[in-house]
All heavy atoms as atom14 arrays in JSON, in Angstrom:
{
  "sequence": "GAGPTAADLRRSGPALGGSASNVDVSHARDL",
  "atom14_mask": [
    [1, 1, 1, 1, 0, 0, 0, 0, 0, 0, 0, 0, 0, 0],
    [1, 1, 1, 1, 1, 0, 0, 0, 0, 0, 0, 0, 0, 0],
    [1, 1, 1, 1, 0, 0, 0, 0, 0, 0, 0, 0, 0, 0],
    [1, 1, 1, 1, 1, 1, 1, 0, 0, 0, 0, 0, 0, 0],
    [1, 1, 1, 1, 1, 1, 1, 0, 0, 0, 0, 0, 0, 0],
    [1, 1, 1, 1, 1, 0, 0, 0, 0, 0, 0, 0, 0, 0],
    [1, 1, 1, 1, 1, 0, 0, 0, 0, 0, 0, 0, 0, 0],
    [1, 1, 1, 1, 1, 1, 1, 1, 0, 0, 0, 0, 0, 0],
    [1, 1, 1, 1, 1, 1, 1, 1, 0, 0, 0, 0, 0, 0],
    [1, 1, 1, 1, 1, 1, 1, 1, 1, 1, 1, 0, 0, 0],
    [1, 1, 1, 1, 1, 1, 1, 1, 1, 1, 1, 0, 0, 0],
    [1, 1, 1, 1, 1, 1, 0, 0, 0, 0, 0, 0, 0, 0],
    [1, 1, 1, 1, 0, 0, 0, 0, 0, 0, 0, 0, 0, 0],
    [1, 1, 1, 1, 1, 1, 1, 0, 0, 0, 0, 0, 0, 0],
    [1, 1, 1, 1, 1, 0, 0, 0, 0, 0, 0, 0, 0, 0],
    [1, 1, 1, 1, 1, 1, 1, 1, 0, 0, 0, 0, 0, 0],
    [1, 1, 1, 1, 0, 0, 0, 0, 0, 0, 0, 0, 0, 0],
    [1, 1, 1, 1, 0, 0, 0, 0, 0, 0, 0, 0, 0, 0],
    [1, 1, 1, 1, 1, 1, 0, 0, 0, 0, 0, 0, 0, 0],
    [1, 1, 1, 1, 1, 0, 0, 0, 0, 0, 0, 0, 0, 0],
    [1, 1, 1, 1, 1, 1, 0, 0, 0, 0, 0, 0, 0, 0],
    [1, 1, 1, 1, 1, 1, 1, 1, 0, 0, 0, 0, 0, 0],
    [1, 1, 1, 1, 1, 1, 1, 0, 0, 0, 0, 0, 0, 0],
    [1, 1, 1, 1, 1, 1, 1, 1, 0, 0, 0, 0, 0, 0],
    [1, 1, 1, 1, 1, 1, 1, 0, 0, 0, 0, 0, 0, 0],
    [1, 1, 1, 1, 1, 1, 0, 0, 0, 0, 0, 0, 0, 0],
    [1, 1, 1, 1, 1, 1, 1, 1, 1, 1, 0, 0, 0, 0],
    [1, 1, 1, 1, 1, 0, 0, 0, 0, 0, 0, 0, 0, 0],
    [1, 1, 1, 1, 1, 1, 1, 1, 1, 1, 1, 0, 0, 0],
    [1, 1, 1, 1, 1, 1, 1, 1, 0, 0, 0, 0, 0, 0],
    [1, 1, 1, 1, 1, 1, 1, 1, 0, 0, 0, 0, 0, 0]
  ],
  "atom14_positions": [
    [[-111.09, 79.71, 38.29], [-111.79, 78.44, 38.24], [-111.22, 77.51, 37.17], [-110.72, 77.95, 36.13], [0.0, 0.0, 0.0], [0.0, 0.0, 0.0], [0.0, 0.0, 0.0], [0.0, 0.0, 0.0], [0.0, 0.0, 0.0], [0.0, 0.0, 0.0], [0.0, 0.0, 0.0], [0.0, 0.0, 0.0], [0.0, 0.0, 0.0], [0.0, 0.0, 0.0]],
    [[-111.31, 76.21, 37.44], [-110.76, 75.21, 36.53], [-111.59, 75.13, 35.26], [-112.81, 75.33, 35.27], [-110.71, 73.85, 37.22], [0.0, 0.0, 0.0], [0.0, 0.0, 0.0], [0.0, 0.0, 0.0], [0.0, 0.0, 0.0], [0.0, 0.0, 0.0], [0.0, 0.0, 0.0], [0.0, 0.0, 0.0], [0.0, 0.0, 0.0], [0.0, 0.0, 0.0]],
    [[-110.92, 74.81, 34.15], [-111.59, 74.6, 32.88], [-111.23, 73.25, 32.31], [-110.51, 72.46, 32.95], [0.0, 0.0, 0.0], [0.0, 0.0, 0.0], [0.0, 0.0, 0.0], [0.0, 0.0, 0.0], [0.0, 0.0, 0.0], [0.0, 0.0, 0.0], [0.0, 0.0, 0.0], [0.0, 0.0, 0.0], [0.0, 0.0, 0.0], [0.0, 0.0, 0.0]],
    [[-111.71, 72.91, 31.12], [-111.35, 71.62, 30.49], [-109.84, 71.53, 30.28], [-109.17, 72.53, 30.03], [-112.09, 71.65, 29.16], [-113.06, 72.76, 29.26], [-112.57, 73.72, 30.28], [0.0, 0.0, 0.0], [0.0, 0.0, 0.0], [0.0, 0.0, 0.0], [0.0, 0.0, 0.0], [0.0, 0.0, 0.0], [0.0, 0.0, 0.0], [0.0, 0.0, 0.0]],
    [[-109.28, 70.33, 30.41], [-107.83, 70.16, 30.28], [-107.32, 70.59, 28.91], [-106.16, 70.96, 28.77], [-107.44, 68.69, 30.52], [-108.19, 67.85, 29.65], [-107.7, 68.31, 31.96], [0.0, 0.0, 0.0], [0.0, 0.0, 0.0], [0.0, 0.0, 0.0], [0.0, 0.0, 0.0], [0.0, 0.0, 0.0], [0.0, 0.0, 0.0], [0.0, 0.0, 0.0]],
    [[-108.17, 70.56, 27.9], [-107.74, 70.98, 26.57], [-107.53, 72.48, 26.5], [-106.75, 72.97, 25.67], [-108.77, 70.55, 25.53], [0.0, 0.0, 0.0], [0.0, 0.0, 0.0], [0.0, 0.0, 0.0], [0.0, 0.0, 0.0], [0.0, 0.0, 0.0], [0.0, 0.0, 0.0], [0.0, 0.0, 0.0], [0.0, 0.0, 0.0], [0.0, 0.0, 0.0]],
    [[-108.2, 73.23, 27.39], [-108.09, 74.68, 27.37], [-107.35, 75.23, 28.58], [-106.68, 76.26, 28.51], [-109.49, 75.3, 27.28], [0.0, 0.0, 0.0], [0.0, 0.0, 0.0], [0.0, 0.0, 0.0], [0.0, 0.0, 0.0], [0.0, 0.0, 0.0], [0.0, 0.0, 0.0], [0.0, 0.0, 0.0], [0.0, 0.0, 0.0], [0.0, 0.0, 0.0]],
    [[-107.48, 74.56, 29.72], [-106.82, 74.99, 30.95], [-105.49, 74.26, 31.04], [-105.44, 73.06, 31.36], [-107.69, 74.67, 32.16], [-107.16, 75.3, 33.44], [-105.97, 75.66, 33.47], [-107.93, 75.42, 34.41], [0.0, 0.0, 0.0], [0.0, 0.0, 0.0], [0.0, 0.0, 0.0], [0.0, 0.0, 0.0], [0.0, 0.0, 0.0], [0.0, 0.0, 0.0]],
    [[-104.4, 74.96, 30.76], [-103.09, 74.29, 30.61], [-102.22, 74.41, 31.85], [-101.03, 74.07, 31.8], [-102.36, 74.89, 29.41], [-103.12, 74.84, 28.07], [-102.28, 75.46, 26.97], [-103.51, 73.42, 27.72], [0.0, 0.0, 0.0], [0.0, 0.0, 0.0], [0.0, 0.0, 0.0], [0.0, 0.0, 0.0], [0.0, 0.0, 0.0], [0.0, 0.0, 0.0]],
    [[-102.76, 74.84, 32.98], [-101.94, 74.95, 34.2], [-101.55, 73.55, 34.68], [-102.39, 72.67, 34.84], [-102.73, 75.69, 35.28], [-102.97, 77.16, 34.95], [-103.9, 77.81, 35.94], [-105.27, 77.35, 35.81], [-106.27, 77.79, 36.56], [-106.04, 78.68, 37.52], [-107.5, 77.33, 36.39], [0.0, 0.0, 0.0], [0.0, 0.0, 0.0], [0.0, 0.0, 0.0]],
    [[-100.26, 73.36, 34.92], [-99.75, 72.03, 35.26], [-98.65, 72.14, 36.33], [-98.06, 73.2, 36.55], [-99.12, 71.34, 34.03], [-100.06, 71.18, 32.84], [-101.04, 70.04, 33.05], [-101.8, 69.81, 31.84], [-102.95, 70.41, 31.53], [-103.46, 71.32, 32.37], [-103.59, 70.14, 30.41], [0.0, 0.0, 0.0], [0.0, 0.0, 0.0], [0.0, 0.0, 0.0]],
    [[-98.34, 71.0, 36.95], [-97.16, 70.88, 37.81], [-96.54, 69.52, 37.56], [-97.22, 68.57, 37.17], [-97.54, 71.02, 39.29], [-98.29, 69.91, 39.72], [0.0, 0.0, 0.0], [0.0, 0.0, 0.0], [0.0, 0.0, 0.0], [0.0, 0.0, 0.0], [0.0, 0.0, 0.0], [0.0, 0.0, 0.0], [0.0, 0.0, 0.0], [0.0, 0.0, 0.0]],
    [[-95.23, 69.43, 37.81], [-94.5, 68.19, 37.61], [-93.06, 68.48, 37.28], [-92.69, 69.64, 37.05], [0.0, 0.0, 0.0], [0.0, 0.0, 0.0], [0.0, 0.0, 0.0], [0.0, 0.0, 0.0], [0.0, 0.0, 0.0], [0.0, 0.0, 0.0], [0.0, 0.0, 0.0], [0.0, 0.0, 0.0], [0.0, 0.0, 0.0], [0.0, 0.0, 0.0]],
    [[-92.21, 67.48, 37.25], [-90.78, 67.7, 37.04], [-90.46, 68.04, 35.59], [-91.06, 67.51, 34.65], [-90.16, 66.36, 37.43], [-91.24, 65.35, 37.17], [-92.52, 66.04, 37.5], [0.0, 0.0, 0.0], [0.0, 0.0, 0.0], [0.0, 0.0, 0.0], [0.0, 0.0, 0.0], [0.0, 0.0, 0.0], [0.0, 0.0, 0.0], [0.0, 0.0, 0.0]],
    [[-89.51, 68.94, 35.39], [-89.07, 69.28, 34.04], [-88.37, 68.12, 33.37], [-88.53, 67.88, 32.18], [-88.15, 70.5, 34.08], [0.0, 0.0, 0.0], [0.0, 0.0, 0.0], [0.0, 0.0, 0.0], [0.0, 0.0, 0.0], [0.0, 0.0, 0.0], [0.0, 0.0, 0.0], [0.0, 0.0, 0.0], [0.0, 0.0, 0.0], [0.0, 0.0, 0.0]],
    [[-87.57, 67.37, 34.14], [-86.88, 66.19, 33.61], [-87.52, 64.94, 34.22], [-87.77, 64.88, 35.42], [-85.4, 66.24, 33.96], [-84.62, 67.46, 33.44], [-83.16, 67.38, 33.88], [-84.72, 67.56, 31.93], [0.0, 0.0, 0.0], [0.0, 0.0, 0.0], [0.0, 0.0, 0.0], [0.0, 0.0, 0.0], [0.0, 0.0, 0.0], [0.0, 0.0, 0.0]],
    [[-87.79, 63.96, 33.39], [-88.36, 62.72, 33.88], [-89.84, 62.75, 34.1], [-90.38, 61.98, 34.9], [0.0, 0.0, 0.0], [0.0, 0.0, 0.0], [0.0, 0.0, 0.0], [0.0, 0.0, 0.0], [0.0, 0.0, 0.0], [0.0, 0.0, 0.0], [0.0, 0.0, 0.0], [0.0, 0.0, 0.0], [0.0, 0.0, 0.0], [0.0, 0.0, 0.0]],
    [[-90.54, 63.66, 33.4], [-91.99, 63.71, 33.54], [-92.65, 62.45, 33.01], [-92.28, 61.92, 31.97], [0.0, 0.0, 0.0], [0.0, 0.0, 0.0], [0.0, 0.0, 0.0], [0.0, 0.0, 0.0], [0.0, 0.0, 0.0], [0.0, 0.0, 0.0], [0.0, 0.0, 0.0], [0.0, 0.0, 0.0], [0.0, 0.0, 0.0], [0.0, 0.0, 0.0]],
    [[-93.63, 61.95, 33.75], [-94.38, 60.77, 33.32], [-95.83, 60.93, 33.77], [-96.17, 61.86, 34.51], [-93.8, 59.49, 33.91], [-93.98, 59.47, 35.31], [0.0, 0.0, 0.0], [0.0, 0.0, 0.0], [0.0, 0.0, 0.0], [0.0, 0.0, 0.0], [0.0, 0.0, 0.0], [0.0, 0.0, 0.0], [0.0, 0.0, 0.0], [0.0, 0.0, 0.0]],
    [[-96.67, 60.03, 33.3], [-98.08, 60.11, 33.67], [-98.29, 59.98, 35.16], [-99.32, 60.4, 35.69], [-98.87, 59.03, 32.93], [0.0, 0.0, 0.0], [0.0, 0.0, 0.0], [0.0, 0.0, 0.0], [0.0, 0.0, 0.0], [0.0, 0.0, 0.0], [0.0, 0.0, 0.0], [0.0, 0.0, 0.0], [0.0, 0.0, 0.0], [0.0, 0.0, 0.0]],
    [[-97.32, 59.42, 35.9], [-97.48, 59.21, 37.34], [-97.04, 60.41, 38.17], [-97.45, 60.54, 39.32], [-96.69, 57.98, 37.79], [-95.29, 58.18, 37.57], [0.0, 0.0, 0.0], [0.0, 0.0, 0.0], [0.0, 0.0, 0.0], [0.0, 0.0, 0.0], [0.0, 0.0, 0.0], [0.0, 0.0, 0.0], [0.0, 0.0, 0.0], [0.0, 0.0, 0.0]],
    [[-96.19, 61.3, 37.62], [-95.7, 62.41, 38.43], [-96.05, 63.79, 37.87], [-95.61, 64.8, 38.4], [-94.19, 62.3, 38.66], [-93.39, 62.36, 37.37], [-93.88, 62.81, 36.35], [-92.14, 61.89, 37.43], [0.0, 0.0, 0.0], [0.0, 0.0, 0.0], [0.0, 0.0, 0.0], [0.0, 0.0, 0.0], [0.0, 0.0, 0.0], [0.0, 0.0, 0.0]],
    [[-96.81, 63.83, 36.76], [-97.29, 65.1, 36.24], [-98.73, 65.28, 36.69], [-99.58, 64.43, 36.42], [-97.19, 65.16, 34.71], [-97.88, 66.41, 34.18], [-95.72, 65.15, 34.29], [0.0, 0.0, 0.0], [0.0, 0.0, 0.0], [0.0, 0.0, 0.0], [0.0, 0.0, 0.0], [0.0, 0.0, 0.0], [0.0, 0.0, 0.0], [0.0, 0.0, 0.0]],
    [[-98.99, 66.36, 37.38], [-100.32, 66.61, 37.92], [-101.14, 67.39, 36.9], [-100.86, 68.55, 36.64], [-100.19, 67.4, 39.22], [-101.48, 67.48, 40.0], [-102.55, 67.29, 39.4], [-101.41, 67.72, 41.21], [0.0, 0.0, 0.0], [0.0, 0.0, 0.0], [0.0, 0.0, 0.0], [0.0, 0.0, 0.0], [0.0, 0.0, 0.0], [0.0, 0.0, 0.0]],
    [[-102.14, 66.75, 36.32], [-102.96, 67.41, 35.31], [-104.29, 67.9, 35.89], [-105.17, 68.32, 35.16], [-103.24, 66.47, 34.11], [-101.94, 66.13, 33.41], [-103.96, 65.2, 34.57], [0.0, 0.0, 0.0], [0.0, 0.0, 0.0], [0.0, 0.0, 0.0], [0.0, 0.0, 0.0], [0.0, 0.0, 0.0], [0.0, 0.0, 0.0], [0.0, 0.0, 0.0]],
    [[-104.44, 67.83, 37.2], [-105.7, 68.27, 37.79], [-105.51, 69.15, 39.01], [-106.06, 70.25, 39.08], [-106.57, 67.06, 38.15], [-105.89, 66.22, 39.05], [0.0, 0.0, 0.0], [0.0, 0.0, 0.0], [0.0, 0.0, 0.0], [0.0, 0.0, 0.0], [0.0, 0.0, 0.0], [0.0, 0.0, 0.0], [0.0, 0.0, 0.0], [0.0, 0.0, 0.0]],
    [[-104.72, 68.71, 39.99], [-104.68, 69.42, 41.26], [-103.93, 70.74, 41.2], [-104.17, 71.61, 42.02], [-104.06, 68.54, 42.34], [-104.85, 67.3, 42.6], [-104.36, 66.05, 42.4], [-106.12, 67.13, 43.0], [-105.27, 65.14, 42.69], [-106.37, 65.78, 43.05], [0.0, 0.0, 0.0], [0.0, 0.0, 0.0], [0.0, 0.0, 0.0], [0.0, 0.0, 0.0]],
    [[-103.03, 70.91, 40.24], [-102.25, 72.14, 40.19], [-103.14, 73.34, 39.92], [-102.79, 74.46, 40.23], [-101.17, 72.04, 39.12], [0.0, 0.0, 0.0], [0.0, 0.0, 0.0], [0.0, 0.0, 0.0], [0.0, 0.0, 0.0], [0.0, 0.0, 0.0], [0.0, 0.0, 0.0], [0.0, 0.0, 0.0], [0.0, 0.0, 0.0], [0.0, 0.0, 0.0]],
    [[-104.32, 73.12, 39.33], [-105.2, 74.26, 39.09], [-106.3, 74.34, 40.14], [-107.23, 75.12, 40.01], [-105.8, 74.2, 37.69], [-106.6, 72.95, 37.39], [-107.17, 73.03, 35.98], [-107.73, 71.77, 35.56], [-107.05, 70.8, 34.95], [-105.76, 70.97, 34.72], [-107.63, 69.69, 34.58], [0.0, 0.0, 0.0], [0.0, 0.0, 0.0], [0.0, 0.0, 0.0]],
    [[-106.22, 73.48, 41.15], [-107.18, 73.53, 42.25], [-106.43, 73.19, 43.53], [-106.63, 72.16, 44.14], [-108.32, 72.54, 42.0], [-109.42, 72.68, 43.05], [-109.46, 73.73, 43.71], [-110.23, 71.75, 43.19], [0.0, 0.0, 0.0], [0.0, 0.0, 0.0], [0.0, 0.0, 0.0], [0.0, 0.0, 0.0], [0.0, 0.0, 0.0], [0.0, 0.0, 0.0]],
    [[-105.55, 74.11, 43.93], [-104.74, 73.88, 45.12], [-105.64, 73.82, 46.36], [-106.66, 74.48, 46.44], [-103.71, 75.0, 45.27], [-102.71, 75.13, 44.11], [-101.85, 76.35, 44.3], [-101.86, 73.88, 43.97], [0.0, 0.0, 0.0], [0.0, 0.0, 0.0], [0.0, 0.0, 0.0], [0.0, 0.0, 0.0], [0.0, 0.0, 0.0], [0.0, 0.0, 0.0]]
  ]
}
């Protein structure tokens, strides 16, 4: 189950060129 973003650090996004528009801070932990 998902937790607060400060504690639940599961993420998805590009290793190079990460930005606020292409880093998923929510859906990667709730596929």
